[in-house]
Amino acid sequence: MKYRTFILMAAMAFAFGSPVFAQRSHPSPAGPPSGRGPGSGPGSGGPTTGAAHPGDTASHSDMSHGSPSDVLSHNPAIGGKIQTLTGQDAQTACSGFKNIGQCVAAAHVAKNLDFPGGFDAIKAKMTGSGAVSLGKAIEEIAPNANAKSEAKKANKQASNDLNETGS
């Protein structure tokens, strides 16, 4: 009787567990899904990696996850916005960040909170070895600020900037 119960339970686990595995996302050997990553969407100048991906004709442009140097070389408008926020050349300001979205959000936090050290202080926390998230960097630099809401606000501002400039 115990053996039958075990078999029945195993069969049920397999039957009900299979759909969960079927829904998992698997990376495509052809590259990211269309409309994602550097070089996708209108006005982006094509793929920045030199390799075309099937479906790169998507109408949505999202370069927020593109490397700063790639995005800045194709979009001087966002470079001007970063320079206005940080007071630094955009390539210099964004060096070390994983993507352009992080850089723009960090620039907004520095401008919004106007803490000592400004953009350079938050950049130091978010880049290099021991890098932390935007929220953690805010907590460490401005402990009296509501880090979660400030990070959310800065990410929204960055997203708006990237959308306005076509990044």
N, C-alpha and C. Protein backbone atom coordinates (compact mmCIF):
# COMPACT_ATOMS: atom_id res chain seq x y z
N MET A 1 0.82 -1.19 0.00
CA MET A 1 0.00 0.00 0.00
C MET A 1 0.87 1.26 0.00
N LYS A 2 1.94 1.26 0.78
CA LYS A 2 2.81 2.41 0.84
C LYS A 2 3.47 2.66 -0.52
N TYR A 3 3.81 1.56 -1.22
CA TYR A 3 4.45 1.67 -2.52
C TYR A 3 3.51 2.33 -3.52
N ARG A 4 2.23 1.97 -3.52
CA ARG A 4 1.25 2.56 -4.42
C ARG A 4 1.05 4.05 -4.13
N THR A 5 1.02 4.39 -2.87
CA THR A 5 0.88 5.78 -2.48
C THR A 5 2.07 6.60 -2.98
N PHE A 6 3.24 6.03 -2.83
CA PHE A 6 4.45 6.71 -3.30
C PHE A 6 4.40 6.92 -4.81
N ILE A 7 4.03 5.89 -5.56
CA ILE A 7 3.94 5.98 -7.01
C ILE A 7 2.90 7.04 -7.41
N LEU A 8 1.76 7.02 -6.74
CA LEU A 8 0.70 7.98 -7.02
C LEU A 8 1.17 9.41 -6.76
N MET A 9 1.87 9.61 -5.66
CA MET A 9 2.37 10.95 -5.31
C MET A 9 3.42 11.42 -6.33
N ALA A 10 4.29 10.50 -6.75
CA ALA A 10 5.32 10.85 -7.72
C ALA A 10 4.67 11.21 -9.06
N ALA A 11 3.67 10.46 -9.46
CA ALA A 11 2.97 10.74 -10.72
C ALA A 11 2.27 12.10 -10.66
N MET A 12 1.66 12.42 -9.53
CA MET A 12 0.98 13.71 -9.37
C MET A 12 2.00 14.86 -9.40
N ALA A 13 3.12 14.67 -8.74
CA ALA A 13 4.15 15.71 -8.73
C ALA A 13 4.66 15.96 -10.14
N PHE A 14 4.84 14.88 -10.89
CA PHE A 14 5.30 15.03 -12.26
C PHE A 14 4.25 15.74 -13.12
N ALA A 15 3.02 15.30 -12.99
CA ALA A 15 1.94 15.86 -13.81
C ALA A 15 1.70 17.34 -13.51
N PHE A 16 1.70 17.71 -12.25
CA PHE A 16 1.44 19.10 -11.89
C PHE A 16 2.69 19.96 -11.92
N GLY A 17 3.84 19.37 -11.85
CA GLY A 17 5.10 20.13 -11.88
C GLY A 17 5.56 20.44 -13.28
N SER A 18 5.18 19.66 -14.26
CA SER A 18 5.64 19.86 -15.63
C SER A 18 5.28 21.22 -16.20
N PRO A 19 4.06 21.71 -16.01
CA PRO A 19 3.74 23.03 -16.57
C PRO A 19 4.62 24.14 -16.02
N VAL A 20 5.06 24.01 -14.79
CA VAL A 20 5.93 25.02 -14.20
C VAL A 20 7.24 25.07 -14.96
N PHE A 21 7.81 23.92 -15.26
CA PHE A 21 9.06 23.89 -15.99
C PHE A 21 8.88 24.36 -17.43
N ALA A 22 7.75 24.12 -18.01
CA ALA A 22 7.50 24.53 -19.38
C ALA A 22 7.43 26.04 -19.51
N GLN A 23 7.12 26.75 -18.43
CA GLN A 23 6.98 28.19 -18.48
C GLN A 23 8.28 28.94 -18.23
N ARG A 24 9.32 28.22 -17.90
CA ARG A 24 10.60 28.88 -17.64
C ARG A 24 11.15 29.50 -18.91
N SER A 25 11.77 30.62 -18.76
CA SER A 25 12.40 31.31 -19.88
C SER A 25 13.78 30.70 -20.10
N HIS A 26 14.10 30.39 -21.33
CA HIS A 26 15.40 29.85 -21.67
C HIS A 26 16.08 30.79 -22.64
N PRO A 27 17.35 31.12 -22.39
CA PRO A 27 18.04 32.03 -23.30
C PRO A 27 18.15 31.42 -24.69
N SER A 28 17.97 32.26 -25.68
CA SER A 28 18.05 31.83 -27.06
C SER A 28 19.49 31.89 -27.52
N PRO A 29 19.96 30.87 -28.25
CA PRO A 29 21.32 30.96 -28.77
C PRO A 29 21.47 32.07 -29.80
N ALA A 30 20.36 32.56 -30.34
CA ALA A 30 20.41 33.64 -31.33
C ALA A 30 20.52 35.01 -30.69
N GLY A 31 20.42 35.10 -29.37
CA GLY A 31 20.55 36.39 -28.70
C GLY A 31 19.31 36.73 -27.91
N PRO A 32 19.21 37.98 -27.43
CA PRO A 32 18.08 38.38 -26.61
C PRO A 32 16.80 38.44 -27.42
N PRO A 33 15.65 38.42 -26.75
CA PRO A 33 14.38 38.54 -27.47
C PRO A 33 14.31 39.86 -28.22
N SER A 34 13.50 39.91 -29.24
CA SER A 34 13.41 41.14 -30.01
C SER A 34 12.95 42.29 -29.13
N GLY A 35 13.50 43.46 -29.38
CA GLY A 35 13.13 44.65 -28.62
C GLY A 35 13.87 44.79 -27.31
N ARG A 36 14.83 43.91 -27.06
CA ARG A 36 15.58 43.98 -25.80
C ARG A 36 17.06 44.20 -26.06
N GLY A 37 17.69 44.94 -25.18
CA GLY A 37 19.13 45.07 -25.24
C GLY A 37 19.62 46.11 -26.21
N PRO A 38 20.94 46.28 -26.25
CA PRO A 38 21.54 47.31 -27.09
C PRO A 38 21.24 47.07 -28.56
N GLY A 39 20.95 48.15 -29.27
CA GLY A 39 20.79 48.09 -30.70
C GLY A 39 19.40 47.76 -31.17
N SER A 40 18.44 47.64 -30.28
CA SER A 40 17.10 47.32 -30.73
C SER A 40 16.25 48.57 -30.77
N GLY A 41 15.32 48.57 -31.67
CA GLY A 41 14.37 49.66 -31.75
C GLY A 41 14.77 50.73 -32.73
N PRO A 42 13.83 51.59 -33.06
CA PRO A 42 14.09 52.64 -34.04
C PRO A 42 15.00 53.71 -33.49
N GLY A 43 15.83 54.26 -34.36
CA GLY A 43 16.68 55.37 -33.96
C GLY A 43 17.88 54.97 -33.14
N SER A 44 18.10 53.66 -32.96
CA SER A 44 19.22 53.25 -32.12
C SER A 44 20.49 53.06 -32.93
N GLY A 45 20.39 53.13 -34.26
CA GLY A 45 21.57 52.99 -35.07
C GLY A 45 21.93 51.54 -35.32
N GLY A 46 21.06 50.63 -35.01
CA GLY A 46 21.33 49.21 -35.26
C GLY A 46 22.05 48.57 -34.11
N PRO A 47 22.41 47.31 -34.27
CA PRO A 47 23.08 46.59 -33.20
C PRO A 47 24.42 47.21 -32.87
N THR A 48 24.72 47.33 -31.60
CA THR A 48 25.97 47.92 -31.17
C THR A 48 27.04 46.86 -30.98
N THR A 49 26.66 45.61 -30.99
CA THR A 49 27.63 44.54 -30.79
C THR A 49 28.18 44.04 -32.11
N GLY A 50 27.61 44.50 -33.23
CA GLY A 50 28.06 44.07 -34.53
C GLY A 50 27.35 42.82 -35.00
N ALA A 51 26.54 42.19 -34.19
CA ALA A 51 25.82 40.98 -34.57
C ALA A 51 24.34 41.28 -34.63
N ALA A 52 23.73 41.03 -35.77
CA ALA A 52 22.30 41.26 -35.90
C ALA A 52 21.54 40.13 -35.25
N HIS A 53 20.42 40.46 -34.64
CA HIS A 53 19.56 39.46 -34.01
C HIS A 53 18.25 39.43 -34.76
N PRO A 54 17.71 38.25 -34.98
CA PRO A 54 16.42 38.19 -35.64
C PRO A 54 15.38 38.98 -34.85
N GLY A 55 14.59 39.77 -35.54
CA GLY A 55 13.52 40.50 -34.87
C GLY A 55 13.94 41.83 -34.30
N ASP A 56 15.09 42.36 -34.71
CA ASP A 56 15.54 43.64 -34.17
C ASP A 56 14.74 44.82 -34.72
N THR A 57 13.64 44.57 -35.36
CA THR A 57 12.83 45.64 -35.91
C THR A 57 11.70 46.02 -34.96
N ALA A 58 11.81 45.68 -33.71
CA ALA A 58 10.77 45.99 -32.72
C ALA A 58 10.58 47.49 -32.63
N SER A 59 9.36 47.91 -32.30
CA SER A 59 9.07 49.33 -32.25
C SER A 59 9.44 49.96 -30.91
N HIS A 60 9.74 49.17 -29.90
CA HIS A 60 10.09 49.71 -28.59
C HIS A 60 11.60 49.77 -28.45
N SER A 61 12.10 50.91 -28.05
CA SER A 61 13.53 51.10 -27.89
C SER A 61 13.86 51.15 -26.41
N ASP A 62 14.69 50.23 -25.94
CA ASP A 62 15.08 50.21 -24.54
C ASP A 62 16.57 50.03 -24.43
N MET A 63 17.28 51.14 -24.32
CA MET A 63 18.72 51.09 -24.19
C MET A 63 19.15 51.30 -22.74
N SER A 64 18.20 51.30 -21.80
CA SER A 64 18.55 51.56 -20.41
C SER A 64 19.50 50.52 -19.85
N HIS A 65 19.56 49.35 -20.49
CA HIS A 65 20.46 48.31 -20.03
C HIS A 65 21.71 48.22 -20.89
N GLY A 66 21.87 49.17 -21.82
CA GLY A 66 23.05 49.19 -22.67
C GLY A 66 24.23 49.76 -21.93
N SER A 67 25.44 49.37 -22.37
CA SER A 67 26.63 49.90 -21.71
C SER A 67 26.69 51.41 -21.93
N PRO A 68 27.16 52.13 -20.94
CA PRO A 68 27.19 53.59 -21.07
C PRO A 68 27.93 54.08 -22.31
N SER A 69 29.08 53.50 -22.61
CA SER A 69 29.85 53.99 -23.76
C SER A 69 29.10 53.75 -25.07
N ASP A 70 28.43 52.61 -25.20
CA ASP A 70 27.65 52.33 -26.41
C ASP A 70 26.50 53.33 -26.56
N VAL A 71 25.75 53.54 -25.49
CA VAL A 71 24.60 54.43 -25.57
C VAL A 71 25.06 55.87 -25.81
N LEU A 72 26.06 56.31 -25.10
CA LEU A 72 26.52 57.69 -25.25
C LEU A 72 27.10 57.96 -26.63
N SER A 73 27.72 56.95 -27.25
CA SER A 73 28.26 57.16 -28.59
C SER A 73 27.16 57.30 -29.64
N HIS A 74 25.99 56.75 -29.35
CA HIS A 74 24.87 56.82 -30.28
C HIS A 74 23.82 57.86 -29.91
N ASN A 75 23.91 58.41 -28.71
CA ASN A 75 22.88 59.33 -28.26
C ASN A 75 23.49 60.51 -27.49
N PRO A 76 23.87 61.56 -28.19
CA PRO A 76 24.45 62.71 -27.50
C PRO A 76 23.45 63.44 -26.60
N ALA A 77 22.16 63.28 -26.85
CA ALA A 77 21.16 63.98 -26.02
C ALA A 77 21.20 63.49 -24.57
N ILE A 78 21.31 62.18 -24.37
CA ILE A 78 21.37 61.68 -22.98
C ILE A 78 22.71 62.09 -22.35
N GLY A 79 23.74 62.19 -23.17
CA GLY A 79 25.03 62.66 -22.67
C GLY A 79 24.93 64.08 -22.13
N GLY A 80 24.19 64.93 -22.83
CA GLY A 80 23.99 66.30 -22.37
C GLY A 80 23.22 66.35 -21.06
N LYS A 81 22.22 65.49 -20.94
CA LYS A 81 21.42 65.42 -19.71
C LYS A 81 22.30 65.01 -18.53
N ILE A 82 23.15 64.00 -18.75
CA ILE A 82 24.04 63.52 -17.69
C ILE A 82 25.02 64.61 -17.29
N GLN A 83 25.54 65.33 -18.29
CA GLN A 83 26.48 66.41 -17.99
C GLN A 83 25.81 67.52 -17.18
N THR A 84 24.57 67.83 -17.51
CA THR A 84 23.83 68.84 -16.75
C THR A 84 23.62 68.40 -15.31
N LEU A 85 23.29 67.13 -15.11
CA LEU A 85 23.03 66.63 -13.75
C LEU A 85 24.30 66.51 -12.91
N THR A 86 25.40 66.08 -13.53
CA THR A 86 26.61 65.77 -12.76
C THR A 86 27.68 66.85 -12.81
N GLY A 87 27.63 67.69 -13.86
CA GLY A 87 28.68 68.67 -14.04
C GLY A 87 29.95 68.05 -14.62
N GLN A 88 29.85 66.81 -15.09
CA GLN A 88 31.00 66.10 -15.65
C GLN A 88 30.68 65.66 -17.08
N ASP A 89 31.73 65.42 -17.85
CA ASP A 89 31.56 64.82 -19.16
C ASP A 89 30.84 63.48 -18.96
N ALA A 90 29.87 63.18 -19.80
CA ALA A 90 29.03 61.99 -19.62
C ALA A 90 29.85 60.70 -19.66
N GLN A 91 30.82 60.60 -20.56
CA GLN A 91 31.65 59.38 -20.63
C GLN A 91 32.40 59.18 -19.31
N THR A 92 32.94 60.24 -18.77
CA THR A 92 33.67 60.18 -17.50
C THR A 92 32.71 59.84 -16.36
N ALA A 93 31.59 60.53 -16.31
CA ALA A 93 30.61 60.32 -15.24
C ALA A 93 30.12 58.88 -15.22
N CYS A 94 29.87 58.30 -16.38
CA CYS A 94 29.26 56.96 -16.45
C CYS A 94 30.25 55.81 -16.49
N SER A 95 31.55 56.12 -16.55
CA SER A 95 32.52 55.03 -16.58
C SER A 95 32.43 54.23 -15.27
N GLY A 96 32.39 52.93 -15.41
CA GLY A 96 32.32 52.06 -14.24
C GLY A 96 30.92 51.55 -13.95
N PHE A 97 29.89 52.22 -14.45
CA PHE A 97 28.52 51.74 -14.24
C PHE A 97 28.25 50.59 -15.20
N LYS A 98 27.43 49.66 -14.77
CA LYS A 98 27.11 48.49 -15.59
C LYS A 98 26.25 48.87 -16.79
N ASN A 99 25.35 49.85 -16.60
CA ASN A 99 24.50 50.27 -17.71
C ASN A 99 24.15 51.75 -17.55
N ILE A 100 23.63 52.30 -18.62
CA ILE A 100 23.33 53.74 -18.65
C ILE A 100 22.23 54.11 -17.66
N GLY A 101 21.29 53.20 -17.43
CA GLY A 101 20.20 53.46 -16.50
C GLY A 101 20.71 53.71 -15.09
N GLN A 102 21.70 52.91 -14.66
CA GLN A 102 22.29 53.11 -13.33
C GLN A 102 22.94 54.48 -13.22
N CYS A 103 23.66 54.86 -14.25
CA CYS A 103 24.37 56.14 -14.24
C CYS A 103 23.39 57.30 -14.12
N VAL A 104 22.35 57.28 -14.95
CA VAL A 104 21.38 58.38 -14.94
C VAL A 104 20.63 58.42 -13.60
N ALA A 105 20.27 57.27 -13.07
CA ALA A 105 19.57 57.23 -11.77
C ALA A 105 20.47 57.77 -10.66
N ALA A 106 21.74 57.40 -10.67
CA ALA A 106 22.68 57.89 -9.66
C ALA A 106 22.83 59.41 -9.78
N ALA A 107 22.86 59.91 -10.99
CA ALA A 107 22.96 61.36 -11.20
C ALA A 107 21.74 62.07 -10.63
N HIS A 108 20.57 61.48 -10.81
CA HIS A 108 19.35 62.09 -10.25
C HIS A 108 19.36 62.06 -8.73
N VAL A 109 19.79 60.96 -8.14
CA VAL A 109 19.86 60.89 -6.67
C VAL A 109 20.77 61.98 -6.14
N ALA A 110 21.93 62.13 -6.75
CA ALA A 110 22.88 63.16 -6.30
C ALA A 110 22.28 64.55 -6.40
N LYS A 111 21.56 64.80 -7.48
CA LYS A 111 20.93 66.11 -7.67
C LYS A 111 19.76 66.30 -6.69
N ASN A 112 18.93 65.26 -6.53
CA ASN A 112 17.76 65.36 -5.66
C ASN A 112 18.12 65.55 -4.20
N LEU A 113 19.11 64.82 -3.73
CA LEU A 113 19.44 64.84 -2.30
C LEU A 113 20.51 65.88 -1.95
N ASP A 114 21.30 66.30 -2.92
CA ASP A 114 22.33 67.32 -2.71
C ASP A 114 23.14 67.05 -1.44
N PHE A 115 23.69 65.85 -1.33
CA PHE A 115 24.49 65.48 -0.18
C PHE A 115 25.97 65.76 -0.43
N PRO A 116 26.78 65.83 0.63
CA PRO A 116 28.22 66.08 0.46
C PRO A 116 28.84 64.99 -0.41
N GLY A 117 29.69 65.41 -1.33
CA GLY A 117 30.34 64.46 -2.22
C GLY A 117 29.56 64.25 -3.50
N GLY A 118 28.25 64.53 -3.45
CA GLY A 118 27.39 64.48 -4.61
C GLY A 118 27.52 63.22 -5.45
N PHE A 119 27.56 63.41 -6.75
CA PHE A 119 27.58 62.30 -7.69
C PHE A 119 28.80 61.40 -7.49
N ASP A 120 29.96 62.00 -7.24
CA ASP A 120 31.17 61.19 -7.06
C ASP A 120 31.04 60.23 -5.88
N ALA A 121 30.36 60.65 -4.82
CA ALA A 121 30.19 59.79 -3.65
C ALA A 121 29.29 58.60 -3.98
N ILE A 122 28.20 58.85 -4.67
CA ILE A 122 27.29 57.74 -5.00
C ILE A 122 27.91 56.83 -6.05
N LYS A 123 28.65 57.40 -6.99
CA LYS A 123 29.33 56.60 -8.01
C LYS A 123 30.35 55.67 -7.35
N ALA A 124 31.08 56.17 -6.38
CA ALA A 124 32.08 55.36 -5.69
C ALA A 124 31.44 54.16 -5.00
N LYS A 125 30.25 54.34 -4.45
CA LYS A 125 29.55 53.25 -3.77
C LYS A 125 29.01 52.22 -4.76
N MET A 126 28.60 52.67 -5.95
CA MET A 126 27.92 51.79 -6.90
C MET A 126 28.83 51.11 -7.92
N THR A 127 30.08 51.52 -8.00
CA THR A 127 30.98 50.94 -9.00
C THR A 127 32.21 50.33 -8.33
N GLY A 128 32.94 49.56 -9.08
CA GLY A 128 34.17 48.96 -8.57
C GLY A 128 33.91 47.75 -7.69
N SER A 129 34.96 47.33 -6.99
CA SER A 129 34.81 46.16 -6.11
C SER A 129 33.98 46.55 -4.90
N GLY A 130 33.13 45.66 -4.47
CA GLY A 130 32.25 45.95 -3.34
C GLY A 130 31.09 46.86 -3.71
N ALA A 131 30.77 46.91 -5.00
CA ALA A 131 29.69 47.78 -5.46
C ALA A 131 28.36 47.38 -4.83
N VAL A 132 27.55 48.38 -4.51
CA VAL A 132 26.24 48.15 -3.90
C VAL A 132 25.16 48.73 -4.81
N SER A 133 23.93 48.39 -4.52
CA SER A 133 22.79 48.89 -5.28
C SER A 133 22.59 50.38 -5.01
N LEU A 134 21.76 50.99 -5.82
CA LEU A 134 21.43 52.40 -5.64
C LEU A 134 20.83 52.64 -4.26
N GLY A 135 19.87 51.81 -3.87
CA GLY A 135 19.23 51.97 -2.56
C GLY A 135 20.21 51.86 -1.41
N LYS A 136 21.10 50.87 -1.48
CA LYS A 136 22.10 50.68 -0.42
C LYS A 136 23.07 51.87 -0.39
N ALA A 137 23.44 52.37 -1.57
CA ALA A 137 24.33 53.53 -1.62
C ALA A 137 23.68 54.74 -0.97
N ILE A 138 22.38 54.92 -1.22
CA ILE A 138 21.66 56.04 -0.59
C ILE A 138 21.65 55.88 0.92
N GLU A 139 21.37 54.66 1.39
CA GLU A 139 21.36 54.40 2.84
C GLU A 139 22.69 54.76 3.48
N GLU A 140 23.78 54.41 2.80
CA GLU A 140 25.11 54.65 3.36
C GLU A 140 25.52 56.12 3.32
N ILE A 141 25.10 56.83 2.28
CA ILE A 141 25.52 58.22 2.12
C ILE A 141 24.58 59.20 2.82
N ALA A 142 23.29 58.92 2.74
CA ALA A 142 22.29 59.82 3.33
C ALA A 142 21.35 58.99 4.22
N PRO A 143 21.81 58.63 5.42
CA PRO A 143 21.03 57.74 6.28
C PRO A 143 19.66 58.30 6.69
N ASN A 144 19.47 59.60 6.63
CA ASN A 144 18.18 60.18 7.01
C ASN A 144 17.17 60.19 5.87
N ALA A 145 17.63 59.86 4.66
CA ALA A 145 16.73 59.84 3.50
C ALA A 145 15.99 58.50 3.46
N ASN A 146 14.83 58.50 2.86
CA ASN A 146 14.08 57.26 2.64
C ASN A 146 14.67 56.64 1.37
N ALA A 147 15.61 55.72 1.54
CA ALA A 147 16.38 55.17 0.43
C ALA A 147 15.50 54.51 -0.62
N LYS A 148 14.49 53.78 -0.16
CA LYS A 148 13.63 53.06 -1.10
C LYS A 148 12.87 54.03 -2.01
N SER A 149 12.26 55.05 -1.41
CA SER A 149 11.48 55.98 -2.23
C SER A 149 12.39 56.86 -3.09
N GLU A 150 13.57 57.22 -2.59
CA GLU A 150 14.51 58.03 -3.37
C GLU A 150 15.04 57.24 -4.57
N ALA A 151 15.32 55.96 -4.37
CA ALA A 151 15.79 55.11 -5.47
C ALA A 151 14.70 54.95 -6.51
N LYS A 152 13.48 54.73 -6.05
CA LYS A 152 12.34 54.58 -6.97
C LYS A 152 12.14 55.87 -7.77
N LYS A 153 12.20 57.00 -7.09
CA LYS A 153 12.03 58.29 -7.75
C LYS A 153 13.12 58.51 -8.81
N ALA A 154 14.37 58.23 -8.45
CA ALA A 154 15.49 58.43 -9.36
C ALA A 154 15.40 57.48 -10.56
N ASN A 155 14.99 56.23 -10.32
CA ASN A 155 14.84 55.29 -11.43
C ASN A 155 13.75 55.74 -12.39
N LYS A 156 12.68 56.31 -11.86
CA LYS A 156 11.61 56.81 -12.72
C LYS A 156 12.10 58.02 -13.52
N GLN A 157 12.83 58.91 -12.87
CA GLN A 157 13.39 60.06 -13.57
C GLN A 157 14.35 59.61 -14.67
N ALA A 158 15.18 58.62 -14.37
CA ALA A 158 16.12 58.10 -15.37
C ALA A 158 15.38 57.48 -16.53
N SER A 159 14.36 56.72 -16.24
CA SER A 159 13.55 56.10 -17.29
C SER A 159 12.93 57.16 -18.19
N ASN A 160 12.39 58.20 -17.58
CA ASN A 160 11.80 59.30 -18.36
C ASN A 160 12.85 59.97 -19.25
N ASP A 161 14.04 60.21 -18.68
CA ASP A 161 15.11 60.84 -19.47
C ASP A 161 15.49 59.96 -20.66
N LEU A 162 15.63 58.68 -20.42
CA LEU A 162 16.03 57.76 -21.49
C LEU A 162 14.95 57.66 -22.56
N ASN A 163 13.68 57.69 -22.15
CA ASN A 163 12.61 57.67 -23.13
C ASN A 163 12.55 58.95 -23.94
N GLU A 164 12.74 60.09 -23.28
CA GLU A 164 12.69 61.39 -23.96
C GLU A 164 13.81 61.55 -24.97
N THR A 165 14.96 60.98 -24.66
CA THR A 165 16.11 61.16 -25.55
C THR A 165 16.25 60.02 -26.56
N GLY A 166 15.33 59.07 -26.51
CA GLY A 166 15.35 57.99 -27.47
C GLY A 166 16.35 56.89 -27.18
N SER A 167 16.80 56.80 -25.93
CA SER A 167 17.76 55.75 -25.57
C SER A 167 17.06 54.46 -25.31
